[in-house]
Amino acid sequence: MDYVNSPTILAAGDVMLGLALAPAVVFLVVYMTTAKWYRTPIGRMFVIAQGAIVLVSVVVLASLIFGTTYPGRDWVRLVGYSAHFIGQLVFLATYLSTRRVPSTPHTLPKTRMDTNS
């Protein structure tokens, strides 16, 4: 059996992408309306990264629904994938700028088990 090009499996993947878009959009809207995401770098990172995921999902779904020749597809792809790229850069930069680097090696305090008395 050839599962690589199975139309059923390809269609199931398309459906899963469509289904995944709904909770992605709901999370983005709920998070943006209920959290003070704009106050922290991590919050802004979540909004940008999730927005990029939503955009890329919309770009791919548009191609699946309308085919690869719909008007404006080149611009939709350029904007969507550029936003995804920028989102990933922000994601990385935020992580690198907020992680804590210890200035001294971490050592655990000595316990009674560490002594020979």
PDB file of N, CA and C in Angstrom:
ATOM      1  N   MET A   1       0.835  -1.185   0.000  1.00  0.00           N
ATOM      2  CA  MET A   1       0.000   0.000   0.000  1.00  0.00           C
ATOM      3  C   MET A   1       0.875   1.243   0.000  1.00  0.00           C
ATOM      4  N   ASP A   2       0.442   2.235  -0.733  1.00  0.00           N
ATOM      5  CA  ASP A   2       1.180   3.496  -0.804  1.00  0.00           C
ATOM      6  C   ASP A   2       0.437   4.546   0.011  1.00  0.00           C
ATOM      7  N   TYR A   3       0.939   4.806   1.217  1.00  0.00           N
ATOM      8  CA  TYR A   3       0.290   5.779   2.086  1.00  0.00           C
ATOM      9  C   TYR A   3       0.804   7.196   1.860  1.00  0.00           C
ATOM     10  N   VAL A   4       1.885   7.361   1.134  1.00  0.00           N
ATOM     11  CA  VAL A   4       2.471   8.680   0.939  1.00  0.00           C
ATOM     12  C   VAL A   4       1.532   9.589   0.151  1.00  0.00           C
ATOM     13  N   ASN A   5       0.909   9.086  -0.884  1.00  0.00           N
ATOM     14  CA  ASN A   5       0.054   9.907  -1.733  1.00  0.00           C
ATOM     15  C   ASN A   5      -1.413   9.522  -1.634  1.00  0.00           C
ATOM     16  N   SER A   6      -1.823   9.000  -0.514  1.00  0.00           N
ATOM     17  CA  SER A   6      -3.211   8.590  -0.341  1.00  0.00           C
ATOM     18  C   SER A   6      -4.111   9.825  -0.244  1.00  0.00           C
ATOM     19  N   PRO A   7      -5.088   9.948  -1.133  1.00  0.00           N
ATOM     20  CA  PRO A   7      -6.002  11.096  -1.075  1.00  0.00           C
ATOM     21  C   PRO A   7      -6.762  11.182   0.247  1.00  0.00           C
ATOM     22  N   THR A   8      -7.072  10.045   0.827  1.00  0.00           N
ATOM     23  CA  THR A   8      -7.790  10.042   2.098  1.00  0.00           C
ATOM     24  C   THR A   8      -6.938  10.641   3.208  1.00  0.00           C
ATOM     25  N   ILE A   9      -5.691  10.238   3.249  1.00  0.00           N
ATOM     26  CA  ILE A   9      -4.794  10.761   4.289  1.00  0.00           C
ATOM     27  C   ILE A   9      -4.511  12.240   4.050  1.00  0.00           C
ATOM     28  N   LEU A  10      -4.317  12.629   2.786  1.00  0.00           N
ATOM     29  CA  LEU A  10      -4.116  14.046   2.487  1.00  0.00           C
ATOM     30  C   LEU A  10      -5.334  14.870   2.895  1.00  0.00           C
ATOM     31  N   ALA A  11      -6.522  14.382   2.610  1.00  0.00           N
ATOM     32  CA  ALA A  11      -7.753  15.094   2.982  1.00  0.00           C
ATOM     33  C   ALA A  11      -7.887  15.183   4.502  1.00  0.00           C
ATOM     34  N   ALA A  12      -7.522  14.105   5.186  1.00  0.00           N
ATOM     35  CA  ALA A  12      -7.588  14.122   6.653  1.00  0.00           C
ATOM     36  C   ALA A  12      -6.629  15.173   7.222  1.00  0.00           C
ATOM     37  N   GLY A  13      -5.465  15.298   6.634  1.00  0.00           N
ATOM     38  CA  GLY A  13      -4.522  16.330   7.072  1.00  0.00           C
ATOM     39  C   GLY A  13      -5.065  17.727   6.834  1.00  0.00           C
ATOM     40  N   ASP A  14      -5.716  17.924   5.703  1.00  0.00           N
ATOM     41  CA  ASP A  14      -6.334  19.221   5.407  1.00  0.00           C
ATOM     42  C   ASP A  14      -7.420  19.554   6.426  1.00  0.00           C
ATOM     43  N   VAL A  15      -8.224  18.567   6.752  1.00  0.00           N
ATOM     44  CA  VAL A  15      -9.285  18.776   7.741  1.00  0.00           C
ATOM     45  C   VAL A  15      -8.679  19.116   9.103  1.00  0.00           C
ATOM     46  N   MET A  16      -7.627  18.424   9.481  1.00  0.00           N
ATOM     47  CA  MET A  16      -6.988  18.701  10.778  1.00  0.00           C
ATOM     48  C   MET A  16      -6.430  20.124  10.827  1.00  0.00           C
ATOM     49  N   LEU A  17      -5.865  20.591   9.719  1.00  0.00           N
ATOM     50  CA  LEU A  17      -5.379  21.966   9.678  1.00  0.00           C
ATOM     51  C   LEU A  17      -6.533  22.940   9.876  1.00  0.00           C
ATOM     52  N   GLY A  18      -7.648  22.684   9.211  1.00  0.00           N
ATOM     53  CA  GLY A  18      -8.822  23.534   9.387  1.00  0.00           C
ATOM     54  C   GLY A  18      -9.351  23.500  10.808  1.00  0.00           C
ATOM     55  N   LEU A  19      -9.375  22.320  11.397  1.00  0.00           N
ATOM     56  CA  LEU A  19      -9.831  22.198  12.780  1.00  0.00           C
ATOM     57  C   LEU A  19      -8.875  22.892  13.753  1.00  0.00           C
ATOM     58  N   ALA A  20      -7.592  22.842  13.478  1.00  0.00           N
ATOM     59  CA  ALA A  20      -6.604  23.468  14.370  1.00  0.00           C
ATOM     60  C   ALA A  20      -6.689  24.987  14.330  1.00  0.00           C
ATOM     61  N   LEU A  21      -7.182  25.537  13.240  1.00  0.00           N
ATOM     62  CA  LEU A  21      -7.276  26.985  13.118  1.00  0.00           C
ATOM     63  C   LEU A  21      -8.259  27.574  14.127  1.00  0.00           C
ATOM     64  N   ALA A  22      -9.363  26.884  14.368  1.00  0.00           N
ATOM     65  CA  ALA A  22     -10.377  27.419  15.283  1.00  0.00           C
ATOM     66  C   ALA A  22      -9.833  27.655  16.698  1.00  0.00           C
ATOM     67  N   PRO A  23      -9.235  26.659  17.367  1.00  0.00           N
ATOM     68  CA  PRO A  23      -8.711  26.938  18.708  1.00  0.00           C
ATOM     69  C   PRO A  23      -7.541  27.923  18.693  1.00  0.00           C
ATOM     70  N   ALA A  24      -6.789  27.969  17.604  1.00  0.00           N
ATOM     71  CA  ALA A  24      -5.694  28.938  17.521  1.00  0.00           C
ATOM     72  C   ALA A  24      -6.236  30.361  17.524  1.00  0.00           C
ATOM     73  N   VAL A  25      -7.296  30.588  16.750  1.00  0.00           N
ATOM     74  CA  VAL A  25      -7.910  31.917  16.709  1.00  0.00           C
ATOM     75  C   VAL A  25      -8.582  32.234  18.041  1.00  0.00           C
ATOM     76  N   VAL A  26      -9.284  31.260  18.612  1.00  0.00           N
ATOM     77  CA  VAL A  26      -9.951  31.486  19.901  1.00  0.00           C
ATOM     78  C   VAL A  26      -8.928  31.834  20.974  1.00  0.00           C
ATOM     79  N   PHE A  27      -7.825  31.085  21.043  1.00  0.00           N
ATOM     80  CA  PHE A  27      -6.793  31.394  22.029  1.00  0.00           C
ATOM     81  C   PHE A  27      -6.275  32.817  21.840  1.00  0.00           C
ATOM     82  N   LEU A  28      -5.981  33.176  20.606  1.00  0.00           N
ATOM     83  CA  LEU A  28      -5.442  34.507  20.328  1.00  0.00           C
ATOM     84  C   LEU A  28      -6.415  35.598  20.773  1.00  0.00           C
ATOM     85  N   VAL A  29      -7.677  35.450  20.427  1.00  0.00           N
ATOM     86  CA  VAL A  29      -8.681  36.464  20.789  1.00  0.00           C
ATOM     87  C   VAL A  29      -8.890  36.514  22.302  1.00  0.00           C
ATOM     88  N   VAL A  30      -9.038  35.363  22.931  1.00  0.00           N
ATOM     89  CA  VAL A  30      -9.263  35.332  24.381  1.00  0.00           C
ATOM     90  C   VAL A  30      -8.047  35.885  25.121  1.00  0.00           C
ATOM     91  N   TYR A  31      -6.861  35.476  24.722  1.00  0.00           N
ATOM     92  CA  TYR A  31      -5.647  35.955  25.389  1.00  0.00           C
ATOM     93  C   TYR A  31      -5.499  37.468  25.225  1.00  0.00           C
ATOM     94  N   MET A  32      -5.750  37.966  24.020  1.00  0.00           N
ATOM     95  CA  MET A  32      -5.592  39.402  23.778  1.00  0.00           C
ATOM     96  C   MET A  32      -6.647  40.235  24.506  1.00  0.00           C
ATOM     97  N   THR A  33      -7.807  39.655  24.775  1.00  0.00           N
ATOM     98  CA  THR A  33      -8.866  40.419  25.427  1.00  0.00           C
ATOM     99  C   THR A  33      -8.933  40.224  26.933  1.00  0.00           C
ATOM    100  N   THR A  34      -8.282  39.200  27.457  1.00  0.00           N
ATOM    101  CA  THR A  34      -8.382  38.952  28.903  1.00  0.00           C
ATOM    102  C   THR A  34      -7.070  39.128  29.656  1.00  0.00           C
ATOM    103  N   ALA A  35      -5.961  39.095  28.969  1.00  0.00           N
ATOM    104  CA  ALA A  35      -4.661  39.207  29.645  1.00  0.00           C
ATOM    105  C   ALA A  35      -4.018  40.555  29.311  1.00  0.00           C
ATOM    106  N   LYS A  36      -3.171  41.003  30.185  1.00  0.00           N
ATOM    107  CA  LYS A  36      -2.422  42.232  29.920  1.00  0.00           C
ATOM    108  C   LYS A  36      -1.116  41.851  29.226  1.00  0.00           C
ATOM    109  N   TRP A  37      -1.265  41.256  28.058  1.00  0.00           N
ATOM    110  CA  TRP A  37      -0.152  40.689  27.302  1.00  0.00           C
ATOM    111  C   TRP A  37       0.861  41.731  26.872  1.00  0.00           C
ATOM    112  N   TYR A  38       0.435  42.961  26.692  1.00  0.00           N
ATOM    113  CA  TYR A  38       1.296  44.026  26.181  1.00  0.00           C
ATOM    114  C   TYR A  38       2.280  44.531  27.230  1.00  0.00           C
ATOM    115  N   ARG A  39       2.135  44.100  28.472  1.00  0.00           N
ATOM    116  CA  ARG A  39       3.003  44.598  29.543  1.00  0.00           C
ATOM    117  C   ARG A  39       4.295  43.815  29.711  1.00  0.00           C
ATOM    118  N   THR A  40       4.349  42.627  29.162  1.00  0.00           N
ATOM    119  CA  THR A  40       5.551  41.809  29.344  1.00  0.00           C
ATOM    120  C   THR A  40       6.075  41.325  27.996  1.00  0.00           C
ATOM    121  N   PRO A  41       7.382  41.128  27.911  1.00  0.00           N
ATOM    122  CA  PRO A  41       7.939  40.596  26.660  1.00  0.00           C
ATOM    123  C   PRO A  41       7.367  39.219  26.314  1.00  0.00           C
ATOM    124  N   ILE A  42       7.139  38.385  27.312  1.00  0.00           N
ATOM    125  CA  ILE A  42       6.609  37.050  27.058  1.00  0.00           C
ATOM    126  C   ILE A  42       5.184  37.146  26.526  1.00  0.00           C
ATOM    127  N   GLY A  43       4.390  38.037  27.063  1.00  0.00           N
ATOM    128  CA  GLY A  43       3.023  38.223  26.579  1.00  0.00           C
ATOM    129  C   GLY A  43       2.995  38.700  25.136  1.00  0.00           C
ATOM    130  N   ARG A  44       3.846  39.670  24.820  1.00  0.00           N
ATOM    131  CA  ARG A  44       3.919  40.150  23.437  1.00  0.00           C
ATOM    132  C   ARG A  44       4.402  39.036  22.511  1.00  0.00           C
ATOM    133  N   MET A  45       5.322  38.228  23.007  1.00  0.00           N
ATOM    134  CA  MET A  45       5.839  37.117  22.217  1.00  0.00           C
ATOM    135  C   MET A  45       4.717  36.117  21.898  1.00  0.00           C
ATOM    136  N   PHE A  46       3.879  35.807  22.889  1.00  0.00           N
ATOM    137  CA  PHE A  46       2.761  34.894  22.655  1.00  0.00           C
ATOM    138  C   PHE A  46       1.837  35.420  21.568  1.00  0.00           C
ATOM    139  N   VAL A  47       1.506  36.708  21.629  1.00  0.00           N
ATOM    140  CA  VAL A  47       0.575  37.282  20.650  1.00  0.00           C
ATOM    141  C   VAL A  47       1.178  37.250  19.250  1.00  0.00           C
ATOM    142  N   ILE A  48       2.428  37.636  19.121  1.00  0.00           N
ATOM    143  CA  ILE A  48       3.069  37.655  17.809  1.00  0.00           C
ATOM    144  C   ILE A  48       3.211  36.241  17.253  1.00  0.00           C
ATOM    145  N   ALA A  49       3.675  35.314  18.066  1.00  0.00           N
ATOM    146  CA  ALA A  49       3.869  33.939  17.596  1.00  0.00           C
ATOM    147  C   ALA A  49       2.536  33.281  17.244  1.00  0.00           C
ATOM    148  N   GLN A  50       1.521  33.465  18.084  1.00  0.00           N
ATOM    149  CA  GLN A  50       0.220  32.859  17.794  1.00  0.00           C
ATOM    150  C   GLN A  50      -0.412  33.513  16.575  1.00  0.00           C
ATOM    151  N   GLY A  51      -0.244  34.814  16.442  1.00  0.00           N
ATOM    152  CA  GLY A  51      -0.746  35.496  15.252  1.00  0.00           C
ATOM    153  C   GLY A  51      -0.098  34.969  13.988  1.00  0.00           C
ATOM    154  N   ALA A  52       1.198  34.688  14.055  1.00  0.00           N
ATOM    155  CA  ALA A  52       1.902  34.133  12.899  1.00  0.00           C
ATOM    156  C   ALA A  52       1.393  32.735  12.562  1.00  0.00           C
ATOM    157  N   ILE A  53       1.128  31.934  13.580  1.00  0.00           N
ATOM    158  CA  ILE A  53       0.582  30.596  13.342  1.00  0.00           C
ATOM    159  C   ILE A  53      -0.776  30.694  12.659  1.00  0.00           C
ATOM    160  N   VAL A  54      -1.607  31.606  13.120  1.00  0.00           N
ATOM    161  CA  VAL A  54      -2.928  31.800  12.507  1.00  0.00           C
ATOM    162  C   VAL A  54      -2.781  32.240  11.055  1.00  0.00           C
ATOM    163  N   LEU A  55      -1.891  33.208  10.797  1.00  0.00           N
ATOM    164  CA  LEU A  55      -1.698  33.686   9.425  1.00  0.00           C
ATOM    165  C   LEU A  55      -1.227  32.590   8.483  1.00  0.00           C
ATOM    166  N   VAL A  56      -0.251  31.817   8.909  1.00  0.00           N
ATOM    167  CA  VAL A  56       0.255  30.741   8.051  1.00  0.00           C
ATOM    168  C   VAL A  56      -0.837  29.700   7.808  1.00  0.00           C
ATOM    169  N   SER A  57      -1.619  29.392   8.825  1.00  0.00           N
ATOM    170  CA  SER A  57      -2.708  28.441   8.649  1.00  0.00           C
ATOM    171  C   SER A  57      -3.730  28.967   7.641  1.00  0.00           C
ATOM    172  N   VAL A  58      -4.023  30.259   7.704  1.00  0.00           N
ATOM    173  CA  VAL A  58      -4.966  30.855   6.752  1.00  0.00           C
ATOM    174  C   VAL A  58      -4.403  30.804   5.338  1.00  0.00           C
ATOM    175  N   VAL A  59      -3.115  31.085   5.186  1.00  0.00           N
ATOM    176  CA  VAL A  59      -2.490  31.038   3.859  1.00  0.00           C
ATOM    177  C   VAL A  59      -2.600  29.639   3.264  1.00  0.00           C
ATOM    178  N   VAL A  60      -2.270  28.633   4.049  1.00  0.00           N
ATOM    179  CA  VAL A  60      -2.320  27.259   3.551  1.00  0.00           C
ATOM    180  C   VAL A  60      -3.764  26.853   3.257  1.00  0.00           C
ATOM    181  N   LEU A  61      -4.684  27.185   4.151  1.00  0.00           N
ATOM    182  CA  LEU A  61      -6.088  26.835   3.913  1.00  0.00           C
ATOM    183  C   LEU A  61      -6.647  27.538   2.681  1.00  0.00           C
ATOM    184  N   ALA A  62      -6.238  28.780   2.459  1.00  0.00           N
ATOM    185  CA  ALA A  62      -6.705  29.493   1.260  1.00  0.00           C
ATOM    186  C   ALA A  62      -6.273  28.753  -0.003  1.00  0.00           C
ATOM    187  N   SER A  63      -5.050  28.261  -0.012  1.00  0.00           N
ATOM    188  CA  SER A  63      -4.584  27.495  -1.173  1.00  0.00           C
ATOM    189  C   SER A  63      -5.332  26.182  -1.320  1.00  0.00           C
ATOM    190  N   LEU A  64      -5.672  25.558  -0.201  1.00  0.00           N
ATOM    191  CA  LEU A  64      -6.417  24.299  -0.263  1.00  0.00           C
ATOM    192  C   LEU A  64      -7.847  24.510  -0.749  1.00  0.00           C
ATOM    193  N   ILE A  65      -8.449  25.616  -0.331  1.00  0.00           N
ATOM    194  CA  ILE A  65      -9.848  25.871  -0.683  1.00  0.00           C
ATOM    195  C   ILE A  65      -9.980  26.453  -2.090  1.00  0.00           C
ATOM    196  N   PHE A  66      -9.168  27.467  -2.402  1.00  0.00           N
ATOM    197  CA  PHE A  66      -9.311  28.191  -3.666  1.00  0.00           C
ATOM    198  C   PHE A  66      -8.350  27.721  -4.746  1.00  0.00           C
ATOM    199  N   GLY A  67      -7.458  26.805  -4.414  1.00  0.00           N
ATOM    200  CA  GLY A  67      -6.462  26.355  -5.376  1.00  0.00           C
ATOM    201  C   GLY A  67      -5.242  27.273  -5.343  1.00  0.00           C
ATOM    202  N   THR A  68      -4.306  26.969  -6.190  1.00  0.00           N
ATOM    203  CA  THR A  68      -3.050  27.729  -6.159  1.00  0.00           C
ATOM    204  C   THR A  68      -3.035  28.886  -7.141  1.00  0.00           C
ATOM    205  N   THR A  69      -4.173  29.187  -7.752  1.00  0.00           N
ATOM    206  CA  THR A  69      -4.195  30.262  -8.739  1.00  0.00           C
ATOM    207  C   THR A  69      -5.171  31.387  -8.381  1.00  0.00           C
ATOM    208  N   TYR A  70      -5.579  31.493  -7.104  1.00  0.00           N
ATOM    209  CA  TYR A  70      -6.512  32.561  -6.768  1.00  0.00           C
ATOM    210  C   TYR A  70      -5.801  33.916  -6.818  1.00  0.00           C
ATOM    211  N   PRO A  71      -6.535  34.983  -7.120  1.00  0.00           N
ATOM    212  CA  PRO A  71      -5.921  36.308  -7.256  1.00  0.00           C
ATOM    213  C   PRO A  71      -5.308  36.786  -5.936  1.00  0.00           C
ATOM    214  N   GLY A  72      -4.105  37.293  -6.010  1.00  0.00           N
ATOM    215  CA  GLY A  72      -3.436  37.828  -4.821  1.00  0.00           C
ATOM    216  C   GLY A  72      -2.708  36.797  -3.989  1.00  0.00           C
ATOM    217  N   ARG A  73      -2.656  35.554  -4.450  1.00  0.00           N
ATOM    218  CA  ARG A  73      -2.019  34.489  -3.669  1.00  0.00           C
ATOM    219  C   ARG A  73      -0.562  34.806  -3.381  1.00  0.00           C
ATOM    220  N   ASP A  74       0.147  35.393  -4.341  1.00  0.00           N
ATOM    221  CA  ASP A  74       1.558  35.712  -4.125  1.00  0.00           C
ATOM    222  C   ASP A  74       1.733  36.685  -2.967  1.00  0.00           C
ATOM    223  N   TRP A  75       0.854  37.686  -2.878  1.00  0.00           N
ATOM    224  CA  TRP A  75       0.950  38.656  -1.785  1.00  0.00           C
ATOM    225  C   TRP A  75       0.507  38.056  -0.454  1.00  0.00           C
ATOM    226  N   VAL A  76      -0.511  37.224  -0.506  1.00  0.00           N
ATOM    227  CA  VAL A  76      -0.976  36.571   0.720  1.00  0.00           C
ATOM    228  C   VAL A  76       0.140  35.709   1.295  1.00  0.00           C
ATOM    229  N   ARG A  77       0.821  34.961   0.440  1.00  0.00           N
ATOM    230  CA  ARG A  77       1.929  34.115   0.886  1.00  0.00           C
ATOM    231  C   ARG A  77       3.082  34.957   1.419  1.00  0.00           C
ATOM    232  N   LEU A  78       3.440  36.015   0.693  1.00  0.00           N
ATOM    233  CA  LEU A  78       4.553  36.861   1.128  1.00  0.00           C
ATOM    234  C   LEU A  78       4.278  37.482   2.490  1.00  0.00           C
ATOM    235  N   VAL A  79       3.097  38.041   2.676  1.00  0.00           N
ATOM    236  CA  VAL A  79       2.749  38.686   3.951  1.00  0.00           C
ATOM    237  C   VAL A  79       2.642  37.650   5.067  1.00  0.00           C
ATOM    238  N   GLY A  80       1.963  36.553   4.808  1.00  0.00           N
ATOM    239  CA  GLY A  80       1.783  35.525   5.831  1.00  0.00           C
ATOM    240  C   GLY A  80       3.092  34.898   6.274  1.00  0.00           C
ATOM    241  N   TYR A  81       3.914  34.521   5.319  1.00  0.00           N
ATOM    242  CA  TYR A  81       5.183  33.876   5.674  1.00  0.00           C
ATOM    243  C   TYR A  81       6.180  34.872   6.251  1.00  0.00           C
ATOM    244  N   SER A  82       6.132  36.115   5.818  1.00  0.00           N
ATOM    245  CA  SER A  82       6.996  37.140   6.420  1.00  0.00           C
ATOM    246  C   SER A  82       6.613  37.380   7.879  1.00  0.00           C
ATOM    247  N   ALA A  83       5.311  37.420   8.142  1.00  0.00           N
ATOM    248  CA  ALA A  83       4.859  37.585   9.524  1.00  0.00           C
ATOM    249  C   ALA A  83       5.300  36.405  10.377  1.00  0.00           C
ATOM    250  N   HIS A  84       5.236  35.221   9.811  1.00  0.00           N
ATOM    251  CA  HIS A  84       5.696  34.037  10.540  1.00  0.00           C
ATOM    252  C   HIS A  84       7.189  34.140  10.841  1.00  0.00           C
ATOM    253  N   PHE A  85       7.976  34.558   9.861  1.00  0.00           N
ATOM    254  CA  PHE A  85       9.418  34.719  10.049  1.00  0.00           C
ATOM    255  C   PHE A  85       9.711  35.748  11.139  1.00  0.00           C
ATOM    256  N   ILE A  86       9.050  36.888  11.075  1.00  0.00           N
ATOM    257  CA  ILE A  86       9.260  37.929  12.087  1.00  0.00           C
ATOM    258  C   ILE A  86       8.822  37.428  13.462  1.00  0.00           C
ATOM    259  N   GLY A  87       7.700  36.710  13.500  1.00  0.00           N
ATOM    260  CA  GLY A  87       7.241  36.146  14.767  1.00  0.00           C
ATOM    261  C   GLY A  87       8.249  35.197  15.380  1.00  0.00           C
ATOM    262  N   GLN A  88       8.875  34.375  14.556  1.00  0.00           N
ATOM    263  CA  GLN A  88       9.877  33.443  15.074  1.00  0.00           C
ATOM    264  C   GLN A  88      11.124  34.182  15.571  1.00  0.00           C
ATOM    265  N   LEU A  89      11.503  35.254  14.869  1.00  0.00           N
ATOM    266  CA  LEU A  89      12.633  36.058  15.342  1.00  0.00           C
ATOM    267  C   LEU A  89      12.318  36.704  16.685  1.00  0.00           C
ATOM    268  N   VAL A  90      11.113  37.228  16.822  1.00  0.00           N
ATOM    269  CA  VAL A  90      10.699  37.836  18.100  1.00  0.00           C
ATOM    270  C   VAL A  90      10.670  36.776  19.186  1.00  0.00           C
ATOM    271  N   PHE A  91      10.154  35.618  18.871  1.00  0.00           N
ATOM    272  CA  PHE A  91      10.108  34.502  19.819  1.00  0.00           C
ATOM    273  C   PHE A  91      11.511  34.192  20.336  1.00  0.00           C
ATOM    274  N   LEU A  92      12.467  34.046  19.422  1.00  0.00           N
ATOM    275  CA  LEU A  92      13.839  33.736  19.795  1.00  0.00           C
ATOM    276  C   LEU A  92      14.481  34.876  20.580  1.00  0.00           C
ATOM    277  N   ALA A  93      14.326  36.102  20.099  1.00  0.00           N
ATOM    278  CA  ALA A  93      14.933  37.252  20.775  1.00  0.00           C
ATOM    279  C   ALA A  93      14.371  37.432  22.178  1.00  0.00           C
ATOM    280  N   THR A  94      13.078  37.214  22.337  1.00  0.00           N
ATOM    281  CA  THR A  94      12.468  37.352  23.660  1.00  0.00           C
ATOM    282  C   THR A  94      13.003  36.297  24.602  1.00  0.00           C
ATOM    283  N   TYR A  95      13.085  35.084  24.126  1.00  0.00           N
ATOM    284  CA  TYR A  95      13.624  34.026  24.983  1.00  0.00           C
ATOM    285  C   TYR A  95      15.057  34.332  25.394  1.00  0.00           C
ATOM    286  N   LEU A  96      15.871  34.698  24.430  1.00  0.00           N
ATOM    287  CA  LEU A  96      17.278  34.954  24.744  1.00  0.00           C
ATOM    288  C   LEU A  96      17.452  36.156  25.674  1.00  0.00           C
ATOM    289  N   SER A  97      16.587  37.143  25.549  1.00  0.00           N
ATOM    290  CA  SER A  97      16.744  38.339  26.387  1.00  0.00           C
ATOM    291  C   SER A  97      16.146  38.178  27.778  1.00  0.00           C
ATOM    292  N   THR A  98      15.268  37.199  27.973  1.00  0.00           N
ATOM    293  CA  THR A  98      14.635  37.055  29.282  1.00  0.00           C
ATOM    294  C   THR A  98      15.143  35.868  30.092  1.00  0.00           C
ATOM    295  N   ARG A  99      15.936  35.011  29.487  1.00  0.00           N
ATOM    296  CA  ARG A  99      16.415  33.863  30.257  1.00  0.00           C
ATOM    297  C   ARG A  99      17.455  34.333  31.256  1.00  0.00           C
ATOM    298  N   ARG A 100      17.536  33.653  32.339  1.00  0.00           N
ATOM    299  CA  ARG A 100      18.481  34.026  33.394  1.00  0.00           C
ATOM    300  C   ARG A 100      19.743  33.192  33.265  1.00  0.00           C
ATOM    301  N   VAL A 101      20.852  33.878  33.226  1.00  0.00           N
ATOM    302  CA  VAL A 101      22.137  33.201  33.154  1.00  0.00           C
ATOM    303  C   VAL A 101      22.798  33.370  34.518  1.00  0.00           C
ATOM    304  N   PRO A 102      23.028  32.272  35.210  1.00  0.00           N
ATOM    305  CA  PRO A 102      23.635  32.413  36.537  1.00  0.00           C
ATOM    306  C   PRO A 102      25.053  32.969  36.434  1.00  0.00           C
ATOM    307  N   SER A 103      25.376  33.861  37.349  1.00  0.00           N
ATOM    308  CA  SER A 103      26.713  34.456  37.337  1.00  0.00           C
ATOM    309  C   SER A 103      27.732  33.566  38.036  1.00  0.00           C
ATOM    310  N   THR A 104      27.263  32.687  38.883  1.00  0.00           N
ATOM    311  CA  THR A 104      28.160  31.755  39.562  1.00  0.00           C
ATOM    312  C   THR A 104      27.606  30.348  39.374  1.00  0.00           C
ATOM    313  N   PRO A 105      28.464  29.353  39.426  1.00  0.00           N
ATOM    314  CA  PRO A 105      27.967  27.981  39.296  1.00  0.00           C
ATOM    315  C   PRO A 105      26.982  27.660  40.419  1.00  0.00           C
ATOM    316  N   HIS A 106      25.960  26.932  40.076  1.00  0.00           N
ATOM    317  CA  HIS A 106      24.945  26.578  41.055  1.00  0.00           C
ATOM    318  C   HIS A 106      25.424  25.386  41.873  1.00  0.00           C
ATOM    319  N   THR A 107      25.388  25.542  43.172  1.00  0.00           N
ATOM    320  CA  THR A 107      25.724  24.421  44.046  1.00  0.00           C
ATOM    321  C   THR A 107      24.634  24.294  45.092  1.00  0.00           C
ATOM    322  N   LEU A 108      24.325  23.071  45.425  1.00  0.00           N
ATOM    323  CA  LEU A 108      23.318  22.826  46.445  1.00  0.00           C
ATOM    324  C   LEU A 108      23.954  22.984  47.822  1.00  0.00           C
ATOM    325  N   PRO A 109      23.183  23.453  48.797  1.00  0.00           N
ATOM    326  CA  PRO A 109      23.754  23.552  50.143  1.00  0.00           C
ATOM    327  C   PRO A 109      24.075  22.166  50.696  1.00  0.00           C
ATOM    328  N   LYS A 110      25.081  22.128  51.515  1.00  0.00           N
ATOM    329  CA  LYS A 110      25.476  20.857  52.095  1.00  0.00           C
ATOM    330  C   LYS A 110      24.429  20.411  53.109  1.00  0.00           C
ATOM    331  N   THR A 111      24.210  19.108  53.159  1.00  0.00           N
ATOM    332  CA  THR A 111      23.261  18.546  54.124  1.00  0.00           C
ATOM    333  C   THR A 111      24.014  17.679  55.107  1.00  0.00           C
ATOM    334  N   ARG A 112      23.313  17.182  56.068  1.00  0.00           N
ATOM    335  CA  ARG A 112      23.967  16.316  57.066  1.00  0.00           C
ATOM    336  C   ARG A 112      24.478  15.038  56.419  1.00  0.00           C
ATOM    337  N   MET A 113      23.875  14.633  55.321  1.00  0.00           N
ATOM    338  CA  MET A 113      24.312  13.408  54.642  1.00  0.00           C
ATOM    339  C   MET A 113      25.656  13.606  53.963  1.00  0.00           C
ATOM    340  N   ASP A 114      26.050  14.877  53.697  1.00  0.00           N
ATOM    341  CA  ASP A 114      27.309  15.141  53.022  1.00  0.00           C
ATOM    342  C   ASP A 114      28.506  15.085  53.953  1.00  0.00           C
ATOM    343  N   THR A 115      28.278  15.100  55.234  1.00  0.00           N
ATOM    344  CA  THR A 115      29.392  15.092  56.182  1.00  0.00           C
ATOM    345  C   THR A 115      29.595  13.669  56.708  1.00  0.00           C
ATOM    346  N   ASN A 116      30.774  13.418  57.178  1.00  0.00           N
ATOM    347  CA  ASN A 116      31.092  12.082  57.692  1.00  0.00           C
ATOM    348  C   ASN A 116      30.939  12.008  59.210  1.00  0.00           C
ATOM    349  N   SER A 117      30.236  12.899  59.810  1.00  0.00           N
ATOM    350  CA  SER A 117      30.106  12.853  61.255  1.00  0.00           C
ATOM    351  C   SER A 117      28.960  12.034  61.737  1.00  0.00           C
TER     352      SER A 117
END
